[in-house]
Amino acid sequence: MSVLIQSLLYCTLLVAGVFSLKCYTGISTSSNVHPTMNMTCSRISAFCLKVAGGIKYNGKTLYQASYGCDVGTCLSPGCADLGGVKTCCCSTDFCNSSFRGSLSLALLISFFVLIFQH
C-alpha cells in the first residue's frame, strides 16, 4: 500500500473519531439521574436519544428512561410526547441527559411510522 493511501486512511479514521457523536447510554429508574456510562455512536447515527415514561402501579409512579445513540428513529432534533412516553432526539455530545428541544413534526411522523410498522 502506498504511503499516500495509508496517510489518507489514517486521516479518514482520525476525522471519523473526532466527529463521532458521544451519548449517554443505559437505563435509569429515576427522573433526576441519568446514566454515567457513555458511548461513541457509529458515523451513521446523527442523534442521541432519550425515551422515558412512567406508569402508575399500586399508587406509585414507576419511571424508566433509556439512553443511547439513535438507530433510525430521529429525523431532526426535538421531543415528542405520545401516550405518556417522551422521546427526545438531540445532536450534540452528551445532550441526552435531559429533555430539550421542541416538538418536531418530522419526529412525530417518524415515531408513528415506527409504531405502525410492527
PDB file of N, CA and C in Angstrom:
ATOM      1  N   MET A   1       0.860  -1.176   0.000  1.00  0.00           N
ATOM      2  CA  MET A   1       0.000   0.000   0.000  1.00  0.00           C
ATOM      3  C   MET A   1       0.902   1.233   0.000  1.00  0.00           C
ATOM      4  N   SER A   2       0.576   2.181  -0.824  1.00  0.00           N
ATOM      5  CA  SER A   2       1.428   3.363  -0.924  1.00  0.00           C
ATOM      6  C   SER A   2       1.291   4.232   0.323  1.00  0.00           C
ATOM      7  N   VAL A   3       2.282   5.049   0.516  1.00  0.00           N
ATOM      8  CA  VAL A   3       2.299   5.954   1.671  1.00  0.00           C
ATOM      9  C   VAL A   3       1.130   6.937   1.591  1.00  0.00           C
ATOM     10  N   LEU A   4       0.807   7.389   0.392  1.00  0.00           N
ATOM     11  CA  LEU A   4      -0.303   8.320   0.219  1.00  0.00           C
ATOM     12  C   LEU A   4      -1.630   7.688   0.639  1.00  0.00           C
ATOM     13  N   ILE A   5      -1.874   6.457   0.219  1.00  0.00           N
ATOM     14  CA  ILE A   5      -3.115   5.768   0.584  1.00  0.00           C
ATOM     15  C   ILE A   5      -3.170   5.520   2.085  1.00  0.00           C
ATOM     16  N   GLN A   6      -2.048   5.109   2.682  1.00  0.00           N
ATOM     17  CA  GLN A   6      -2.010   4.905   4.136  1.00  0.00           C
ATOM     18  C   GLN A   6      -2.294   6.206   4.872  1.00  0.00           C
ATOM     19  N   SER A   7      -1.705   7.296   4.415  1.00  0.00           N
ATOM     20  CA  SER A   7      -1.920   8.594   5.058  1.00  0.00           C
ATOM     21  C   SER A   7      -3.383   9.012   4.972  1.00  0.00           C
ATOM     22  N   LEU A   8      -3.994   8.827   3.797  1.00  0.00           N
ATOM     23  CA  LEU A   8      -5.412   9.165   3.643  1.00  0.00           C
ATOM     24  C   LEU A   8      -6.290   8.308   4.541  1.00  0.00           C
ATOM     25  N   LEU A   9      -5.968   7.027   4.656  1.00  0.00           N
ATOM     26  CA  LEU A   9      -6.726   6.130   5.519  1.00  0.00           C
ATOM     27  C   LEU A   9      -6.631   6.566   6.977  1.00  0.00           C
ATOM     28  N   TYR A  10      -5.440   6.881   7.448  1.00  0.00           N
ATOM     29  CA  TYR A  10      -5.267   7.329   8.832  1.00  0.00           C
ATOM     30  C   TYR A  10      -6.007   8.640   9.087  1.00  0.00           C
ATOM     31  N   CYS A  11      -5.930   9.569   8.144  1.00  0.00           N
ATOM     32  CA  CYS A  11      -6.634  10.843   8.310  1.00  0.00           C
ATOM     33  C   CYS A  11      -8.145  10.629   8.359  1.00  0.00           C
ATOM     34  N   THR A  12      -8.656   9.749   7.506  1.00  0.00           N
ATOM     35  CA  THR A  12     -10.088   9.446   7.500  1.00  0.00           C
ATOM     36  C   THR A  12     -10.527   8.865   8.836  1.00  0.00           C
ATOM     37  N   LEU A  13      -9.759   7.922   9.362  1.00  0.00           N
ATOM     38  CA  LEU A  13     -10.093   7.325  10.658  1.00  0.00           C
ATOM     39  C   LEU A  13     -10.018   8.352  11.775  1.00  0.00           C
ATOM     40  N   LEU A  14      -9.033   9.233  11.723  1.00  0.00           N
ATOM     41  CA  LEU A  14      -8.888  10.269  12.741  1.00  0.00           C
ATOM     42  C   LEU A  14     -10.075  11.220  12.703  1.00  0.00           C
ATOM     43  N   VAL A  15     -10.449  11.679  11.516  1.00  0.00           N
ATOM     44  CA  VAL A  15     -11.581  12.598  11.379  1.00  0.00           C
ATOM     45  C   VAL A  15     -12.874  11.925  11.830  1.00  0.00           C
ATOM     46  N   ALA A  16     -13.078  10.664  11.476  1.00  0.00           N
ATOM     47  CA  ALA A  16     -14.285   9.942  11.892  1.00  0.00           C
ATOM     48  C   ALA A  16     -14.365   9.858  13.402  1.00  0.00           C
ATOM     49  N   GLY A  17     -13.240   9.623  14.064  1.00  0.00           N
ATOM     50  CA  GLY A  17     -13.226   9.556  15.521  1.00  0.00           C
ATOM     51  C   GLY A  17     -13.498  10.898  16.159  1.00  0.00           C
ATOM     52  N   VAL A  18     -12.995  11.963  15.551  1.00  0.00           N
ATOM     53  CA  VAL A  18     -13.186  13.305  16.093  1.00  0.00           C
ATOM     54  C   VAL A  18     -14.640  13.742  15.952  1.00  0.00           C
ATOM     55  N   PHE A  19     -15.297  13.401  14.851  1.00  0.00           N
ATOM     56  CA  PHE A  19     -16.641  13.886  14.584  1.00  0.00           C
ATOM     57  C   PHE A  19     -17.752  12.921  14.983  1.00  0.00           C
ATOM     58  N   SER A  20     -17.420  11.804  15.600  1.00  0.00           N
ATOM     59  CA  SER A  20     -18.456  10.874  16.046  1.00  0.00           C
ATOM     60  C   SER A  20     -19.158  11.435  17.276  1.00  0.00           C
ATOM     61  N   LEU A  21     -20.450  11.297  17.301  1.00  0.00           N
ATOM     62  CA  LEU A  21     -21.278  11.803  18.392  1.00  0.00           C
ATOM     63  C   LEU A  21     -21.121  10.927  19.629  1.00  0.00           C
ATOM     64  N   LYS A  22     -21.099  11.554  20.798  1.00  0.00           N
ATOM     65  CA  LYS A  22     -21.000  10.828  22.067  1.00  0.00           C
ATOM     66  C   LYS A  22     -22.302  11.034  22.840  1.00  0.00           C
ATOM     67  N   CYS A  23     -22.871   9.930  23.327  1.00  0.00           N
ATOM     68  CA  CYS A  23     -24.164   9.976  24.023  1.00  0.00           C
ATOM     69  C   CYS A  23     -24.095   9.190  25.326  1.00  0.00           C
ATOM     70  N   TYR A  24     -24.938   9.597  26.282  1.00  0.00           N
ATOM     71  CA  TYR A  24     -25.120   8.763  27.463  1.00  0.00           C
ATOM     72  C   TYR A  24     -25.834   7.495  27.029  1.00  0.00           C
ATOM     73  N   THR A  25     -25.543   6.382  27.700  1.00  0.00           N
ATOM     74  CA  THR A  25     -26.181   5.119  27.365  1.00  0.00           C
ATOM     75  C   THR A  25     -26.553   4.376  28.640  1.00  0.00           C
ATOM     76  N   GLY A  26     -27.660   3.679  28.593  1.00  0.00           N
ATOM     77  CA  GLY A  26     -28.093   2.900  29.748  1.00  0.00           C
ATOM     78  C   GLY A  26     -29.552   3.136  30.066  1.00  0.00           C
ATOM     79  N   ILE A  27     -29.930   2.705  31.261  1.00  0.00           N
ATOM     80  CA  ILE A  27     -31.310   2.816  31.731  1.00  0.00           C
ATOM     81  C   ILE A  27     -31.302   3.456  33.108  1.00  0.00           C
ATOM     82  N   SER A  28     -32.263   4.326  33.353  1.00  0.00           N
ATOM     83  CA  SER A  28     -32.412   4.978  34.650  1.00  0.00           C
ATOM     84  C   SER A  28     -33.835   4.767  35.148  1.00  0.00           C
ATOM     85  N   THR A  29     -33.982   4.591  36.445  1.00  0.00           N
ATOM     86  CA  THR A  29     -35.312   4.471  37.044  1.00  0.00           C
ATOM     87  C   THR A  29     -35.639   5.683  37.911  1.00  0.00           C
ATOM     88  N   SER A  30     -34.860   6.752  37.748  1.00  0.00           N
ATOM     89  CA  SER A  30     -35.104   7.998  38.464  1.00  0.00           C
ATOM     90  C   SER A  30     -35.095   9.147  37.467  1.00  0.00           C
ATOM     91  N   SER A  31     -36.080  10.023  37.569  1.00  0.00           N
ATOM     92  CA  SER A  31     -36.135  11.153  36.641  1.00  0.00           C
ATOM     93  C   SER A  31     -35.054  12.187  36.931  1.00  0.00           C
ATOM     94  N   ASN A  32     -34.383  12.085  38.077  1.00  0.00           N
ATOM     95  CA  ASN A  32     -33.351  13.050  38.453  1.00  0.00           C
ATOM     96  C   ASN A  32     -31.942  12.593  38.103  1.00  0.00           C
ATOM     97  N   VAL A  33     -31.784  11.357  37.648  1.00  0.00           N
ATOM     98  CA  VAL A  33     -30.448  10.799  37.436  1.00  0.00           C
ATOM     99  C   VAL A  33     -30.348  10.235  36.026  1.00  0.00           C
ATOM    100  N   HIS A  34     -29.275  10.596  35.326  1.00  0.00           N
ATOM    101  CA  HIS A  34     -29.016   9.988  34.021  1.00  0.00           C
ATOM    102  C   HIS A  34     -27.828   9.045  34.164  1.00  0.00           C
ATOM    103  N   PRO A  35     -27.685   8.090  33.265  1.00  0.00           N
ATOM    104  CA  PRO A  35     -26.562   7.151  33.369  1.00  0.00           C
ATOM    105  C   PRO A  35     -25.227   7.870  33.263  1.00  0.00           C
ATOM    106  N   THR A  36     -24.220   7.306  33.880  1.00  0.00           N
ATOM    107  CA  THR A  36     -22.875   7.870  33.777  1.00  0.00           C
ATOM    108  C   THR A  36     -22.086   7.208  32.659  1.00  0.00           C
ATOM    109  N   MET A  37     -22.572   6.072  32.160  1.00  0.00           N
ATOM    110  CA  MET A  37     -21.888   5.413  31.050  1.00  0.00           C
ATOM    111  C   MET A  37     -22.171   6.174  29.759  1.00  0.00           C
ATOM    112  N   ASN A  38     -21.185   6.175  28.865  1.00  0.00           N
ATOM    113  CA  ASN A  38     -21.388   6.839  27.589  1.00  0.00           C
ATOM    114  C   ASN A  38     -20.808   5.995  26.475  1.00  0.00           C
ATOM    115  N   MET A  39     -21.171   6.341  25.272  1.00  0.00           N
ATOM    116  CA  MET A  39     -20.674   5.601  24.116  1.00  0.00           C
ATOM    117  C   MET A  39     -20.442   6.557  22.954  1.00  0.00           C
ATOM    118  N   THR A  40     -19.572   6.154  22.065  1.00  0.00           N
ATOM    119  CA  THR A  40     -19.361   6.875  20.824  1.00  0.00           C
ATOM    120  C   THR A  40     -20.232   6.207  19.768  1.00  0.00           C
ATOM    121  N   CYS A  41     -21.091   6.988  19.155  1.00  0.00           N
ATOM    122  CA  CYS A  41     -22.027   6.445  18.170  1.00  0.00           C
ATOM    123  C   CYS A  41     -21.306   6.133  16.862  1.00  0.00           C
ATOM    124  N   SER A  42     -21.912   5.262  16.089  1.00  0.00           N
ATOM    125  CA  SER A  42     -21.373   4.997  14.757  1.00  0.00           C
ATOM    126  C   SER A  42     -21.560   6.249  13.903  1.00  0.00           C
ATOM    127  N   ARG A  43     -20.833   6.324  12.823  1.00  0.00           N
ATOM    128  CA  ARG A  43     -20.897   7.509  11.966  1.00  0.00           C
ATOM    129  C   ARG A  43     -22.265   7.694  11.325  1.00  0.00           C
ATOM    130  N   ILE A  44     -23.064   6.657  11.248  1.00  0.00           N
ATOM    131  CA  ILE A  44     -24.393   6.807  10.633  1.00  0.00           C
ATOM    132  C   ILE A  44     -25.429   7.357  11.610  1.00  0.00           C
ATOM    133  N   SER A  45     -25.089   7.425  12.884  1.00  0.00           N
ATOM    134  CA  SER A  45     -26.014   7.940  13.891  1.00  0.00           C
ATOM    135  C   SER A  45     -25.741   9.421  14.114  1.00  0.00           C
ATOM    136  N   ALA A  46     -26.700  10.261  13.773  1.00  0.00           N
ATOM    137  CA  ALA A  46     -26.532  11.705  13.900  1.00  0.00           C
ATOM    138  C   ALA A  46     -27.190  12.262  15.156  1.00  0.00           C
ATOM    139  N   PHE A  47     -27.833  11.391  15.950  1.00  0.00           N
ATOM    140  CA  PHE A  47     -28.578  11.864  17.113  1.00  0.00           C
ATOM    141  C   PHE A  47     -28.345  10.990  18.338  1.00  0.00           C
ATOM    142  N   CYS A  48     -28.398  11.636  19.506  1.00  0.00           N
ATOM    143  CA  CYS A  48     -28.531  10.921  20.776  1.00  0.00           C
ATOM    144  C   CYS A  48     -30.036  10.818  21.039  1.00  0.00           C
ATOM    145  N   LEU A  49     -30.424   9.810  21.799  1.00  0.00           N
ATOM    146  CA  LEU A  49     -31.840   9.532  22.024  1.00  0.00           C
ATOM    147  C   LEU A  49     -32.100   9.307  23.507  1.00  0.00           C
ATOM    148  N   LYS A  50     -33.228   9.816  23.974  1.00  0.00           N
ATOM    149  CA  LYS A  50     -33.720   9.517  25.319  1.00  0.00           C
ATOM    150  C   LYS A  50     -35.208   9.222  25.192  1.00  0.00           C
ATOM    151  N   VAL A  51     -35.613   8.070  25.696  1.00  0.00           N
ATOM    152  CA  VAL A  51     -37.023   7.676  25.694  1.00  0.00           C
ATOM    153  C   VAL A  51     -37.408   7.415  27.143  1.00  0.00           C
ATOM    154  N   ALA A  52     -38.432   8.118  27.642  1.00  0.00           N
ATOM    155  CA  ALA A  52     -38.785   7.994  29.058  1.00  0.00           C
ATOM    156  C   ALA A  52     -40.291   8.018  29.254  1.00  0.00           C
ATOM    157  N   GLY A  53     -40.709   7.366  30.319  1.00  0.00           N
ATOM    158  CA  GLY A  53     -42.122   7.368  30.658  1.00  0.00           C
ATOM    159  C   GLY A  53     -42.345   6.769  32.028  1.00  0.00           C
ATOM    160  N   GLY A  54     -43.537   6.956  32.528  1.00  0.00           N
ATOM    161  CA  GLY A  54     -43.886   6.417  33.833  1.00  0.00           C
ATOM    162  C   GLY A  54     -45.269   5.798  33.805  1.00  0.00           C
ATOM    163  N   ILE A  55     -45.464   4.801  34.655  1.00  0.00           N
ATOM    164  CA  ILE A  55     -46.785   4.188  34.802  1.00  0.00           C
ATOM    165  C   ILE A  55     -47.137   4.152  36.283  1.00  0.00           C
ATOM    166  N   LYS A  56     -48.418   4.227  36.560  1.00  0.00           N
ATOM    167  CA  LYS A  56     -48.883   4.128  37.949  1.00  0.00           C
ATOM    168  C   LYS A  56     -49.096   2.661  38.284  1.00  0.00           C
ATOM    169  N   TYR A  57     -48.554   2.242  39.438  1.00  0.00           N
ATOM    170  CA  TYR A  57     -48.687   0.857  39.882  1.00  0.00           C
ATOM    171  C   TYR A  57     -48.745   0.846  41.404  1.00  0.00           C
ATOM    172  N   ASN A  58     -49.814   0.319  41.963  1.00  0.00           N
ATOM    173  CA  ASN A  58     -50.018   0.278  43.420  1.00  0.00           C
ATOM    174  C   ASN A  58     -49.851   1.645  44.067  1.00  0.00           C
ATOM    175  N   GLY A  59     -50.391   2.662  43.423  1.00  0.00           N
ATOM    176  CA  GLY A  59     -50.344   4.004  43.986  1.00  0.00           C
ATOM    177  C   GLY A  59     -49.029   4.734  43.794  1.00  0.00           C
ATOM    178  N   LYS A  60     -48.062   4.122  43.154  1.00  0.00           N
ATOM    179  CA  LYS A  60     -46.768   4.763  42.910  1.00  0.00           C
ATOM    180  C   LYS A  60     -46.552   4.909  41.408  1.00  0.00           C
ATOM    181  N   THR A  61     -45.769   5.899  41.043  1.00  0.00           N
ATOM    182  CA  THR A  61     -45.393   6.055  39.648  1.00  0.00           C
ATOM    183  C   THR A  61     -44.030   5.415  39.439  1.00  0.00           C
ATOM    184  N   LEU A  62     -43.984   4.452  38.550  1.00  0.00           N
ATOM    185  CA  LEU A  62     -42.729   3.793  38.202  1.00  0.00           C
ATOM    186  C   LEU A  62     -42.190   4.453  36.942  1.00  0.00           C
ATOM    187  N   TYR A  63     -40.967   4.966  37.025  1.00  0.00           N
ATOM    188  CA  TYR A  63     -40.353   5.722  35.938  1.00  0.00           C
ATOM    189  C   TYR A  63     -39.213   4.911  35.334  1.00  0.00           C
ATOM    190  N   GLN A  64     -39.055   5.004  34.036  1.00  0.00           N
ATOM    191  CA  GLN A  64     -37.896   4.395  33.389  1.00  0.00           C
ATOM    192  C   GLN A  64     -37.519   5.222  32.169  1.00  0.00           C
ATOM    193  N   ALA A  65     -36.228   5.403  31.979  1.00  0.00           N
ATOM    194  CA  ALA A  65     -35.715   6.109  30.805  1.00  0.00           C
ATOM    195  C   ALA A  65     -34.575   5.304  30.202  1.00  0.00           C
ATOM    196  N   SER A  66     -34.542   5.274  28.885  1.00  0.00           N
ATOM    197  CA  SER A  66     -33.464   4.612  28.153  1.00  0.00           C
ATOM    198  C   SER A  66     -32.687   5.666  27.384  1.00  0.00           C
ATOM    199  N   TYR A  67     -31.379   5.536  27.390  1.00  0.00           N
ATOM    200  CA  TYR A  67     -30.485   6.494  26.749  1.00  0.00           C
ATOM    201  C   TYR A  67     -29.592   5.762  25.759  1.00  0.00           C
ATOM    202  N   GLY A  68     -29.223   6.438  24.691  1.00  0.00           N
ATOM    203  CA  GLY A  68     -28.279   5.834  23.757  1.00  0.00           C
ATOM    204  C   GLY A  68     -28.182   6.601  22.458  1.00  0.00           C
ATOM    205  N   CYS A  69     -27.548   5.969  21.482  1.00  0.00           N
ATOM    206  CA  CYS A  69     -27.423   6.522  20.138  1.00  0.00           C
ATOM    207  C   CYS A  69     -28.661   6.135  19.336  1.00  0.00           C
ATOM    208  N   ASP A  70     -29.129   7.027  18.515  1.00  0.00           N
ATOM    209  CA  ASP A  70     -30.287   6.747  17.671  1.00  0.00           C
ATOM    210  C   ASP A  70     -29.924   5.726  16.595  1.00  0.00           C
ATOM    211  N   VAL A  71     -30.872   4.855  16.298  1.00  0.00           N
ATOM    212  CA  VAL A  71     -30.668   3.857  15.243  1.00  0.00           C
ATOM    213  C   VAL A  71     -31.784   3.939  14.199  1.00  0.00           C
ATOM    214  N   GLY A  72     -32.236   5.148  13.901  1.00  0.00           N
ATOM    215  CA  GLY A  72     -33.222   5.316  12.845  1.00  0.00           C
ATOM    216  C   GLY A  72     -34.542   5.927  13.260  1.00  0.00           C
ATOM    217  N   THR A  73     -34.719   6.275  14.523  1.00  0.00           N
ATOM    218  CA  THR A  73     -35.964   6.885  14.997  1.00  0.00           C
ATOM    219  C   THR A  73     -36.008   8.377  14.686  1.00  0.00           C
ATOM    220  N   CYS A  74     -34.883   9.045  14.843  1.00  0.00           N
ATOM    221  CA  CYS A  74     -34.832  10.509  14.757  1.00  0.00           C
ATOM    222  C   CYS A  74     -34.618  11.003  13.330  1.00  0.00           C
ATOM    223  N   LEU A  75     -35.353  12.051  12.981  1.00  0.00           N
ATOM    224  CA  LEU A  75     -35.149  12.742  11.712  1.00  0.00           C
ATOM    225  C   LEU A  75     -34.618  14.150  11.923  1.00  0.00           C
ATOM    226  N   SER A  76     -34.894  14.712  13.107  1.00  0.00           N
ATOM    227  CA  SER A  76     -34.423  16.048  13.442  1.00  0.00           C
ATOM    228  C   SER A  76     -34.424  16.183  14.963  1.00  0.00           C
ATOM    229  N   PRO A  77     -33.688  17.176  15.492  1.00  0.00           N
ATOM    230  CA  PRO A  77     -33.689  17.373  16.944  1.00  0.00           C
ATOM    231  C   PRO A  77     -35.070  17.805  17.434  1.00  0.00           C
ATOM    232  N   GLY A  78     -35.430  17.361  18.623  1.00  0.00           N
ATOM    233  CA  GLY A  78     -36.694  17.753  19.220  1.00  0.00           C
ATOM    234  C   GLY A  78     -37.275  16.646  20.070  1.00  0.00           C
ATOM    235  N   CYS A  79     -38.428  16.930  20.668  1.00  0.00           N
ATOM    236  CA  CYS A  79     -39.088  15.976  21.557  1.00  0.00           C
ATOM    237  C   CYS A  79     -40.537  15.773  21.135  1.00  0.00           C
ATOM    238  N   ALA A  80     -41.034  14.585  21.420  1.00  0.00           N
ATOM    239  CA  ALA A  80     -42.445  14.272  21.190  1.00  0.00           C
ATOM    240  C   ALA A  80     -42.942  13.492  22.396  1.00  0.00           C
ATOM    241  N   ASP A  81     -44.156  13.803  22.841  1.00  0.00           N
ATOM    242  CA  ASP A  81     -44.768  13.104  23.968  1.00  0.00           C
ATOM    243  C   ASP A  81     -46.006  12.393  23.445  1.00  0.00           C
ATOM    244  N   LEU A  82     -45.943  11.078  23.392  1.00  0.00           N
ATOM    245  CA  LEU A  82     -47.051  10.286  22.867  1.00  0.00           C
ATOM    246  C   LEU A  82     -47.465   9.238  23.881  1.00  0.00           C
ATOM    247  N   GLY A  83     -48.665   9.349  24.375  1.00  0.00           N
ATOM    248  CA  GLY A  83     -49.185   8.361  25.307  1.00  0.00           C
ATOM    249  C   GLY A  83     -48.394   8.243  26.592  1.00  0.00           C
ATOM    250  N   GLY A  84     -47.830   9.336  27.060  1.00  0.00           N
ATOM    251  CA  GLY A  84     -47.054   9.311  28.294  1.00  0.00           C
ATOM    252  C   GLY A  84     -45.607   8.886  28.121  1.00  0.00           C
ATOM    253  N   VAL A  85     -45.200   8.613  26.888  1.00  0.00           N
ATOM    254  CA  VAL A  85     -43.801   8.276  26.611  1.00  0.00           C
ATOM    255  C   VAL A  85     -43.185   9.445  25.861  1.00  0.00           C
ATOM    256  N   LYS A  86     -42.129  10.002  26.439  1.00  0.00           N
ATOM    257  CA  LYS A  86     -41.476  11.155  25.837  1.00  0.00           C
ATOM    258  C   LYS A  86     -40.207  10.689  25.139  1.00  0.00           C
ATOM    259  N   THR A  87     -40.086  11.046  23.865  1.00  0.00           N
ATOM    260  CA  THR A  87     -38.922  10.694  23.067  1.00  0.00           C
ATOM    261  C   THR A  87     -38.231  11.978  22.644  1.00  0.00           C
ATOM    262  N   CYS A  88     -36.938  12.084  22.953  1.00  0.00           N
ATOM    263  CA  CYS A  88     -36.174  13.269  22.573  1.00  0.00           C
ATOM    264  C   CYS A  88     -34.945  12.875  21.776  1.00  0.00           C
ATOM    265  N   CYS A  89     -34.697  13.645  20.733  1.00  0.00           N
ATOM    266  CA  CYS A  89     -33.531  13.467  19.880  1.00  0.00           C
ATOM    267  C   CYS A  89     -32.727  14.762  19.913  1.00  0.00           C
ATOM    268  N   CYS A  90     -31.409  14.638  19.998  1.00  0.00           N
ATOM    269  CA  CYS A  90     -30.548  15.814  20.015  1.00  0.00           C
ATOM    270  C   CYS A  90     -29.239  15.470  19.307  1.00  0.00           C
ATOM    271  N   SER A  91     -28.475  16.480  18.947  1.00  0.00           N
ATOM    272  CA  SER A  91     -27.349  16.223  18.057  1.00  0.00           C
ATOM    273  C   SER A  91     -26.012  16.789  18.521  1.00  0.00           C
ATOM    274  N   THR A  92     -25.833  16.975  19.825  1.00  0.00           N
ATOM    275  CA  THR A  92     -24.530  17.390  20.350  1.00  0.00           C
ATOM    276  C   THR A  92     -24.071  16.375  21.395  1.00  0.00           C
ATOM    277  N   ASP A  93     -22.783  16.352  21.665  1.00  0.00           N
ATOM    278  CA  ASP A  93     -22.239  15.378  22.610  1.00  0.00           C
ATOM    279  C   ASP A  93     -22.931  15.463  23.969  1.00  0.00           C
ATOM    280  N   PHE A  94     -23.346  14.317  24.476  1.00  0.00           N
ATOM    281  CA  PHE A  94     -23.957  14.145  25.798  1.00  0.00           C
ATOM    282  C   PHE A  94     -25.199  15.010  26.008  1.00  0.00           C
ATOM    283  N   CYS A  95     -25.911  15.290  24.933  1.00  0.00           N
ATOM    284  CA  CYS A  95     -27.105  16.140  25.021  1.00  0.00           C
ATOM    285  C   CYS A  95     -28.322  15.392  25.547  1.00  0.00           C
ATOM    286  N   ASN A  96     -28.253  14.063  25.667  1.00  0.00           N
ATOM    287  CA  ASN A  96     -29.429  13.293  26.081  1.00  0.00           C
ATOM    288  C   ASN A  96     -29.523  13.100  27.590  1.00  0.00           C
ATOM    289  N   SER A  97     -28.904  14.001  28.353  1.00  0.00           N
ATOM    290  CA  SER A  97     -29.003  13.899  29.809  1.00  0.00           C
ATOM    291  C   SER A  97     -30.324  14.457  30.323  1.00  0.00           C
ATOM    292  N   SER A  98     -30.964  15.320  29.562  1.00  0.00           N
ATOM    293  CA  SER A  98     -32.253  15.876  29.979  1.00  0.00           C
ATOM    294  C   SER A  98     -33.118  16.072  28.741  1.00  0.00           C
ATOM    295  N   PHE A  99     -34.383  16.442  28.961  1.00  0.00           N
ATOM    296  CA  PHE A  99     -35.278  16.689  27.830  1.00  0.00           C
ATOM    297  C   PHE A  99     -35.059  18.108  27.340  1.00  0.00           C
ATOM    298  N   ARG A 100     -34.716  18.213  26.072  1.00  0.00           N
ATOM    299  CA  ARG A 100     -34.510  19.523  25.458  1.00  0.00           C
ATOM    300  C   ARG A 100     -35.188  19.535  24.101  1.00  0.00           C
ATOM    301  N   GLY A 101     -35.443  20.714  23.633  1.00  0.00           N
ATOM    302  CA  GLY A 101     -35.985  20.839  22.286  1.00  0.00           C
ATOM    303  C   GLY A 101     -37.488  20.976  22.307  1.00  0.00           C
ATOM    304  N   SER A 102     -38.018  21.141  21.136  1.00  0.00           N
ATOM    305  CA  SER A 102     -39.463  21.282  20.996  1.00  0.00           C
ATOM    306  C   SER A 102     -39.988  20.179  20.095  1.00  0.00           C
ATOM    307  N   LEU A 103     -41.293  20.066  20.050  1.00  0.00           N
ATOM    308  CA  LEU A 103     -41.917  19.030  19.242  1.00  0.00           C
ATOM    309  C   LEU A 103     -41.560  19.233  17.776  1.00  0.00           C
ATOM    310  N   SER A 104     -41.094  18.206  17.169  1.00  0.00           N
ATOM    311  CA  SER A 104     -40.739  18.244  15.760  1.00  0.00           C
ATOM    312  C   SER A 104     -41.749  17.416  14.983  1.00  0.00           C
ATOM    313  N   LEU A 105     -42.332  17.998  13.963  1.00  0.00           N
ATOM    314  CA  LEU A 105     -43.304  17.271  13.156  1.00  0.00           C
ATOM    315  C   LEU A 105     -42.660  16.051  12.513  1.00  0.00           C
ATOM    316  N   ALA A 106     -41.446  16.194  12.042  1.00  0.00           N
ATOM    317  CA  ALA A 106     -40.756  15.056  11.425  1.00  0.00           C
ATOM    318  C   ALA A 106     -40.546  13.937  12.436  1.00  0.00           C
ATOM    319  N   LEU A 107     -40.197  14.289  13.669  1.00  0.00           N
ATOM    320  CA  LEU A 107     -40.014  13.284  14.710  1.00  0.00           C
ATOM    321  C   LEU A 107     -41.338  12.597  15.025  1.00  0.00           C
ATOM    322  N   LEU A 108     -42.391  13.369  15.119  1.00  0.00           N
ATOM    323  CA  LEU A 108     -43.708  12.815  15.412  1.00  0.00           C
ATOM    324  C   LEU A 108     -44.146  11.840  14.320  1.00  0.00           C
ATOM    325  N   ILE A 109     -43.972  12.224  13.085  1.00  0.00           N
ATOM    326  CA  ILE A 109     -44.341  11.349  11.971  1.00  0.00           C
ATOM    327  C   ILE A 109     -43.506  10.078  11.985  1.00  0.00           C
ATOM    328  N   SER A 110     -42.196  10.223  12.204  1.00  0.00           N
ATOM    329  CA  SER A 110     -41.333   9.036  12.208  1.00  0.00           C
ATOM    330  C   SER A 110     -41.689   8.106  13.362  1.00  0.00           C
ATOM    331  N   PHE A 111     -42.098   8.647  14.495  1.00  0.00           N
ATOM    332  CA  PHE A 111     -42.485   7.825  15.633  1.00  0.00           C
ATOM    333  C   PHE A 111     -43.741   7.019  15.301  1.00  0.00           C
ATOM    334  N   PHE A 112     -44.736   7.669  14.674  1.00  0.00           N
ATOM    335  CA  PHE A 112     -45.946   6.951  14.279  1.00  0.00           C
ATOM    336  C   PHE A 112     -45.648   5.872  13.247  1.00  0.00           C
ATOM    337  N   VAL A 113     -44.789   6.174  12.301  1.00  0.00           N
ATOM    338  CA  VAL A 113     -44.412   5.177  11.295  1.00  0.00           C
ATOM    339  C   VAL A 113     -43.763   3.983  11.972  1.00  0.00           C
ATOM    340  N   LEU A 114     -42.880   4.250  12.924  1.00  0.00           N
ATOM    341  CA  LEU A 114     -42.202   3.177  13.644  1.00  0.00           C
ATOM    342  C   LEU A 114     -43.203   2.316  14.413  1.00  0.00           C
ATOM    343  N   ILE A 115     -44.165   2.936  15.061  1.00  0.00           N
ATOM    344  CA  ILE A 115     -45.161   2.205  15.849  1.00  0.00           C
ATOM    345  C   ILE A 115     -46.017   1.312  14.947  1.00  0.00           C
ATOM    346  N   PHE A 116     -46.474   1.850  13.829  1.00  0.00           N
ATOM    347  CA  PHE A 116     -47.404   1.110  12.983  1.00  0.00           C
ATOM    348  C   PHE A 116     -46.722   0.132  12.035  1.00  0.00           C
ATOM    349  N   GLN A 117     -45.404   0.118  11.994  1.00  0.00           N
ATOM    350  CA  GLN A 117     -44.686  -0.873  11.196  1.00  0.00           C
ATOM    351  C   GLN A 117     -44.743  -2.239  11.849  1.00  0.00           C
ATOM    352  N   HIS A 118     -44.840  -2.259  13.166  1.00  0.00           N
ATOM    353  CA  HIS A 118     -44.745  -3.540  13.889  1.00  0.00           C
ATOM    354  C   HIS A 118     -46.085  -4.045  14.252  1.00  0.00           C
TER     355      HIS A 118
END
